[in-house]
Amino acid sequence: MKNGKIRIGILTVSDRASQGIYDDISGKAIEQTLAEYLTCSWEKVYRLIPDEQALIEQTLIELTDEEQCCLVVTTGGTGPAKRDVTPEATEAVCDRMMPGFGELMRAESLKFVPTAILSRQTAGLRGQRLIVNLPGKPSAIRQCLDAVFPAIPYCIDLMEGPYLECNPAIIKVFRPKA
């Protein structure tokens, strides 16, 4: 937290950024979904960058270490194409990986499209920060966040991060009873 505010990074990885195209519907889908889930006050820290592994790594480090985002949600670069390197960048900057996130997202996406097995979403921990890689398609973003977000506030609790309050009418998060 910077200045006592809950900060969440939204990172869109897209070759459209290197082409000067900045109509980021995927990043907006993440922001809109989080705005529906969260009832606590939070601040987005947004970035749109091209599919370049070194730049993705640098931006993830900036969002977690310098901007102090307790959660960084990425979109794009998780497929099998040669330029899809977001999972590699995430793994390179994380201390520990959280493979259950990717497993659950793929299982959820398979309910909608058979090509979900081509997706390489993952998640990892950098210090006391959680990084979650989502696919680039806005409908898949919501499907994947609906699946994994119930565990995210408790994960952040376990890392002694800020307390994320959520709207139970929209998303039911799990926190064990004390």
C-alpha atoms as a PDB file:
ATOM      1  CA  MET A   1       0.000   0.000   0.000  1.00  0.00           C
ATOM      2  CA  LYS A   2       1.237   3.428  -0.900  1.00  0.00           C
ATOM      3  CA  ASN A   3      -0.112   6.287   1.204  1.00  0.00           C
ATOM      4  CA  GLY A   4      -2.404   3.800   2.987  1.00  0.00           C
ATOM      5  CA  LYS A   5      -4.408   3.063  -0.184  1.00  0.00           C
ATOM      6  CA  ILE A   6      -5.095  -0.381  -1.587  1.00  0.00           C
ATOM      7  CA  ARG A   7      -3.412  -0.456  -4.972  1.00  0.00           C
ATOM      8  CA  ILE A   8      -4.139  -2.988  -7.705  1.00  0.00           C
ATOM      9  CA  GLY A   9      -2.114  -3.183 -10.888  1.00  0.00           C
ATOM     10  CA  ILE A  10      -3.796  -3.807 -14.230  1.00  0.00           C
ATOM     11  CA  LEU A  11      -1.306  -4.723 -16.934  1.00  0.00           C
ATOM     12  CA  THR A  12      -2.362  -5.238 -20.541  1.00  0.00           C
ATOM     13  CA  VAL A  13       0.214  -6.959 -22.712  1.00  0.00           C
ATOM     14  CA  SER A  14      -0.524  -6.429 -26.398  1.00  0.00           C
ATOM     15  CA  ASP A  15       1.320  -5.883 -29.638  1.00  0.00           C
ATOM     16  CA  ARG A  16      -1.358  -3.278 -30.382  1.00  0.00           C
ATOM     17  CA  ALA A  17       0.480  -1.042 -27.884  1.00  0.00           C
ATOM     18  CA  SER A  18       3.623  -1.126 -30.027  1.00  0.00           C
ATOM     19  CA  GLN A  19       1.458  -0.203 -33.048  1.00  0.00           C
ATOM     20  CA  GLY A  20       0.156   2.898 -31.267  1.00  0.00           C
ATOM     21  CA  ILE A  21      -3.329   1.440 -30.735  1.00  0.00           C
ATOM     22  CA  TYR A  22      -4.556   2.135 -27.222  1.00  0.00           C
ATOM     23  CA  ASP A  23      -8.200   0.962 -27.188  1.00  0.00           C
ATOM     24  CA  ASP A  24      -7.656  -1.485 -24.371  1.00  0.00           C
ATOM     25  CA  ILE A  25     -10.944  -3.323 -23.892  1.00  0.00           C
ATOM     26  CA  SER A  26      -9.259  -6.130 -21.935  1.00  0.00           C
ATOM     27  CA  GLY A  27      -7.781  -3.822 -19.302  1.00  0.00           C
ATOM     28  CA  LYS A  28     -11.139  -2.059 -19.018  1.00  0.00           C
ATOM     29  CA  ALA A  29     -12.835  -5.456 -18.508  1.00  0.00           C
ATOM     30  CA  ILE A  30     -10.520  -6.183 -15.571  1.00  0.00           C
ATOM     31  CA  GLU A  31     -11.131  -2.752 -14.058  1.00  0.00           C
ATOM     32  CA  GLN A  32     -14.913  -3.059 -14.447  1.00  0.00           C
ATOM     33  CA  THR A  33     -14.958  -6.550 -12.917  1.00  0.00           C
ATOM     34  CA  LEU A  34     -12.847  -5.493  -9.940  1.00  0.00           C
ATOM     35  CA  ALA A  35     -15.053  -2.426  -9.444  1.00  0.00           C
ATOM     36  CA  GLU A  36     -18.063  -4.743  -9.225  1.00  0.00           C
ATOM     37  CA  TYR A  37     -16.337  -7.176  -6.827  1.00  0.00           C
ATOM     38  CA  LEU A  38     -14.684  -4.741  -4.413  1.00  0.00           C
ATOM     39  CA  THR A  39     -16.547  -2.574  -1.916  1.00  0.00           C
ATOM     40  CA  CYS A  40     -13.390  -1.226  -0.268  1.00  0.00           C
ATOM     41  CA  SER A  41     -11.644   1.845  -1.602  1.00  0.00           C
ATOM     42  CA  TRP A  42      -8.882   0.955  -4.069  1.00  0.00           C
ATOM     43  CA  GLU A  43      -6.738   2.614  -6.665  1.00  0.00           C
ATOM     44  CA  LYS A  44      -5.832   1.135 -10.035  1.00  0.00           C
ATOM     45  CA  VAL A  45      -2.302   1.409 -11.363  1.00  0.00           C
ATOM     46  CA  TYR A  46      -2.642   0.823 -15.090  1.00  0.00           C
ATOM     47  CA  ARG A  47      -0.087  -0.069 -17.754  1.00  0.00           C
ATOM     48  CA  LEU A  48      -0.383  -1.022 -21.452  1.00  0.00           C
ATOM     49  CA  ILE A  49       2.788  -2.460 -22.968  1.00  0.00           C
ATOM     50  CA  PRO A  50       3.888  -4.556 -25.959  1.00  0.00           C
ATOM     51  CA  ASP A  51       4.618  -8.300 -25.839  1.00  0.00           C
ATOM     52  CA  GLU A  52       8.295  -8.078 -24.900  1.00  0.00           C
ATOM     53  CA  GLN A  53       9.464 -10.293 -22.063  1.00  0.00           C
ATOM     54  CA  ALA A  54      12.044  -7.901 -20.609  1.00  0.00           C
ATOM     55  CA  LEU A  55       9.498  -5.067 -20.595  1.00  0.00           C
ATOM     56  CA  ILE A  56       6.819  -7.281 -19.012  1.00  0.00           C
ATOM     57  CA  GLU A  57       9.280  -8.328 -16.288  1.00  0.00           C
ATOM     58  CA  GLN A  58      10.320  -4.718 -15.663  1.00  0.00           C
ATOM     59  CA  THR A  59       6.683  -3.579 -15.463  1.00  0.00           C
ATOM     60  CA  LEU A  60       5.698  -6.390 -13.081  1.00  0.00           C
ATOM     61  CA  ILE A  61       8.606  -5.444 -10.810  1.00  0.00           C
ATOM     62  CA  GLU A  62       7.601  -1.770 -10.974  1.00  0.00           C
ATOM     63  CA  LEU A  63       3.966  -2.521 -10.124  1.00  0.00           C
ATOM     64  CA  THR A  64       4.808  -4.800  -7.188  1.00  0.00           C
ATOM     65  CA  ASP A  65       7.957  -3.251  -5.717  1.00  0.00           C
ATOM     66  CA  GLU A  66       7.688   0.451  -6.512  1.00  0.00           C
ATOM     67  CA  GLU A  67       3.929   1.018  -6.875  1.00  0.00           C
ATOM     68  CA  GLN A  68       3.245  -1.458  -4.036  1.00  0.00           C
ATOM     69  CA  CYS A  69       0.265  -3.110  -5.701  1.00  0.00           C
ATOM     70  CA  CYS A  70      -0.933  -5.984  -3.502  1.00  0.00           C
ATOM     71  CA  LEU A  71      -2.413  -7.609  -6.614  1.00  0.00           C
ATOM     72  CA  VAL A  72      -1.369  -7.321 -10.249  1.00  0.00           C
ATOM     73  CA  VAL A  73      -3.765  -8.708 -12.849  1.00  0.00           C
ATOM     74  CA  THR A  74      -2.377  -9.093 -16.352  1.00  0.00           C
ATOM     75  CA  THR A  75      -4.234  -9.720 -19.579  1.00  0.00           C
ATOM     76  CA  GLY A  76      -2.798 -11.017 -22.826  1.00  0.00           C
ATOM     77  CA  GLY A  77       0.258 -12.953 -23.890  1.00  0.00           C
ATOM     78  CA  THR A  78      -0.828 -16.316 -22.435  1.00  0.00           C
ATOM     79  CA  GLY A  79      -1.399 -18.267 -25.641  1.00  0.00           C
ATOM     80  CA  PRO A  80       0.933 -20.484 -27.679  1.00  0.00           C
ATOM     81  CA  ALA A  81       2.020 -17.816 -30.202  1.00  0.00           C
ATOM     82  CA  LYS A  82       5.733 -17.049 -30.357  1.00  0.00           C
ATOM     83  CA  ARG A  83       5.226 -13.546 -28.883  1.00  0.00           C
ATOM     84  CA  ASP A  84       3.043 -14.783 -25.980  1.00  0.00           C
ATOM     85  CA  VAL A  85       5.558 -14.571 -23.124  1.00  0.00           C
ATOM     86  CA  THR A  86       3.578 -13.225 -20.168  1.00  0.00           C
ATOM     87  CA  PRO A  87       3.772 -16.509 -18.185  1.00  0.00           C
ATOM     88  CA  GLU A  88       7.549 -16.664 -18.702  1.00  0.00           C
ATOM     89  CA  ALA A  89       7.923 -13.056 -17.533  1.00  0.00           C
ATOM     90  CA  THR A  90       5.739 -13.759 -14.505  1.00  0.00           C
ATOM     91  CA  GLU A  91       7.712 -16.842 -13.554  1.00  0.00           C
ATOM     92  CA  ALA A  92      10.987 -14.937 -13.964  1.00  0.00           C
ATOM     93  CA  VAL A  93       9.992 -12.266 -11.408  1.00  0.00           C
ATOM     94  CA  CYS A  94       8.130 -14.456  -8.893  1.00  0.00           C
ATOM     95  CA  ASP A  95       9.587 -16.136  -5.815  1.00  0.00           C
ATOM     96  CA  ARG A  96       6.944 -18.872  -5.853  1.00  0.00           C
ATOM     97  CA  MET A  97       4.378 -19.984  -8.392  1.00  0.00           C
ATOM     98  CA  MET A  98       0.711 -20.676  -7.645  1.00  0.00           C
ATOM     99  CA  PRO A  99      -0.236 -23.293 -10.272  1.00  0.00           C
ATOM    100  CA  GLY A 100      -3.757 -23.817  -8.918  1.00  0.00           C
ATOM    101  CA  PHE A 101      -4.839 -20.483 -10.394  1.00  0.00           C
ATOM    102  CA  GLY A 102      -3.987 -21.516 -13.961  1.00  0.00           C
ATOM    103  CA  GLU A 103      -5.445 -24.980 -13.487  1.00  0.00           C
ATOM    104  CA  LEU A 104      -8.770 -23.560 -12.302  1.00  0.00           C
ATOM    105  CA  MET A 105      -8.910 -20.897 -15.021  1.00  0.00           C
ATOM    106  CA  ARG A 106      -8.332 -23.471 -17.764  1.00  0.00           C
ATOM    107  CA  ALA A 107     -10.930 -25.826 -16.255  1.00  0.00           C
ATOM    108  CA  GLU A 108     -13.470 -22.987 -16.142  1.00  0.00           C
ATOM    109  CA  SER A 109     -12.658 -21.825 -19.693  1.00  0.00           C
ATOM    110  CA  LEU A 110     -13.057 -25.382 -21.028  1.00  0.00           C
ATOM    111  CA  LYS A 111     -16.761 -25.095 -20.195  1.00  0.00           C
ATOM    112  CA  PHE A 112     -16.981 -22.437 -22.917  1.00  0.00           C
ATOM    113  CA  VAL A 113     -14.316 -23.227 -25.543  1.00  0.00           C
ATOM    114  CA  PRO A 114     -12.274 -26.355 -26.350  1.00  0.00           C
ATOM    115  CA  THR A 115      -9.239 -24.197 -27.140  1.00  0.00           C
ATOM    116  CA  ALA A 116      -8.865 -23.292 -23.440  1.00  0.00           C
ATOM    117  CA  ILE A 117      -6.210 -26.005 -23.240  1.00  0.00           C
ATOM    118  CA  LEU A 118      -4.005 -23.732 -25.365  1.00  0.00           C
ATOM    119  CA  SER A 119      -3.978 -21.049 -22.676  1.00  0.00           C
ATOM    120  CA  ARG A 120      -1.022 -20.802 -20.311  1.00  0.00           C
ATOM    121  CA  GLN A 121      -2.420 -18.521 -17.583  1.00  0.00           C
ATOM    122  CA  THR A 122      -0.589 -18.761 -14.297  1.00  0.00           C
ATOM    123  CA  ALA A 123      -0.082 -16.899 -11.048  1.00  0.00           C
ATOM    124  CA  GLY A 124       2.802 -16.302  -8.702  1.00  0.00           C
ATOM    125  CA  LEU A 125       4.003 -14.500  -5.625  1.00  0.00           C
ATOM    126  CA  ARG A 126       6.602 -11.761  -5.644  1.00  0.00           C
ATOM    127  CA  GLY A 127       7.354 -11.020  -2.021  1.00  0.00           C
ATOM    128  CA  GLN A 128       3.975 -10.183  -0.492  1.00  0.00           C
ATOM    129  CA  ARG A 129       2.328  -9.469  -3.832  1.00  0.00           C
ATOM    130  CA  LEU A 130       0.142 -11.696  -6.021  1.00  0.00           C
ATOM    131  CA  ILE A 131       0.420 -11.642  -9.821  1.00  0.00           C
ATOM    132  CA  VAL A 132      -2.351 -13.327 -11.832  1.00  0.00           C
ATOM    133  CA  ASN A 133      -2.183 -13.804 -15.611  1.00  0.00           C
ATOM    134  CA  LEU A 134      -5.512 -13.759 -17.446  1.00  0.00           C
ATOM    135  CA  PRO A 135      -6.291 -14.358 -21.118  1.00  0.00           C
ATOM    136  CA  GLY A 136      -6.885 -11.407 -23.426  1.00  0.00           C
ATOM    137  CA  LYS A 137     -10.520 -11.930 -24.410  1.00  0.00           C
ATOM    138  CA  PRO A 138     -12.881  -9.818 -22.235  1.00  0.00           C
ATOM    139  CA  SER A 139     -15.494 -12.584 -21.778  1.00  0.00           C
ATOM    140  CA  ALA A 140     -12.730 -15.018 -20.740  1.00  0.00           C
ATOM    141  CA  ILE A 141     -11.398 -12.403 -18.311  1.00  0.00           C
ATOM    142  CA  ARG A 142     -14.700 -12.340 -16.438  1.00  0.00           C
ATOM    143  CA  GLN A 143     -15.055 -16.131 -16.523  1.00  0.00           C
ATOM    144  CA  CYS A 144     -11.548 -16.616 -15.149  1.00  0.00           C
ATOM    145  CA  LEU A 145     -11.847 -13.906 -12.488  1.00  0.00           C
ATOM    146  CA  ASP A 146     -15.211 -15.308 -11.364  1.00  0.00           C
ATOM    147  CA  ALA A 147     -13.455 -18.660 -10.876  1.00  0.00           C
ATOM    148  CA  VAL A 148     -10.287 -17.572  -9.038  1.00  0.00           C
ATOM    149  CA  PHE A 149     -11.206 -14.340  -7.284  1.00  0.00           C
ATOM    150  CA  PRO A 150     -12.961 -16.074  -4.351  1.00  0.00           C
ATOM    151  CA  ALA A 151      -9.481 -17.166  -3.173  1.00  0.00           C
ATOM    152  CA  ILE A 152      -7.613 -13.915  -3.887  1.00  0.00           C
ATOM    153  CA  PRO A 153      -8.579 -11.853  -0.804  1.00  0.00           C
ATOM    154  CA  TYR A 154      -7.604 -14.702   1.536  1.00  0.00           C
ATOM    155  CA  CYS A 155      -4.317 -15.212  -0.361  1.00  0.00           C
ATOM    156  CA  ILE A 156      -3.545 -11.520   0.177  1.00  0.00           C
ATOM    157  CA  ASP A 157      -4.554 -11.884   3.861  1.00  0.00           C
ATOM    158  CA  LEU A 158      -2.081 -14.749   4.249  1.00  0.00           C
ATOM    159  CA  MET A 159       0.670 -12.524   2.839  1.00  0.00           C
ATOM    160  CA  GLU A 160      -0.255  -9.820   5.379  1.00  0.00           C
ATOM    161  CA  GLY A 161      -1.554  -7.533   2.650  1.00  0.00           C
ATOM    162  CA  PRO A 162      -4.532  -5.173   2.823  1.00  0.00           C
ATOM    163  CA  TYR A 163      -8.002  -6.500   3.595  1.00  0.00           C
ATOM    164  CA  LEU A 164     -10.060  -6.645   0.399  1.00  0.00           C
ATOM    165  CA  GLU A 165     -13.758  -6.211   1.139  1.00  0.00           C
ATOM    166  CA  CYS A 166     -16.083  -7.608  -1.505  1.00  0.00           C
ATOM    167  CA  ASN A 167     -19.735  -7.440  -2.469  1.00  0.00           C
ATOM    168  CA  PRO A 168     -21.200 -10.859  -1.556  1.00  0.00           C
ATOM    169  CA  ALA A 169     -24.087 -10.310  -3.999  1.00  0.00           C
ATOM    170  CA  ILE A 170     -21.510 -10.249  -6.845  1.00  0.00           C
ATOM    171  CA  ILE A 171     -18.678 -12.534  -5.668  1.00  0.00           C
ATOM    172  CA  LYS A 172     -18.524 -14.840  -2.684  1.00  0.00           C
ATOM    173  CA  VAL A 173     -14.972 -14.828  -1.355  1.00  0.00           C
ATOM    174  CA  PHE A 174     -13.716 -17.517   0.981  1.00  0.00           C
ATOM    175  CA  ARG A 175     -12.086 -16.730   4.279  1.00  0.00           C
ATOM    176  CA  PRO A 176     -11.968 -19.484   6.908  1.00  0.00           C
ATOM    177  CA  LYS A 177     -13.829 -18.735  10.090  1.00  0.00           C
ATOM    178  CA  ALA A 178     -11.458 -17.992  12.989  1.00  0.00           C
END
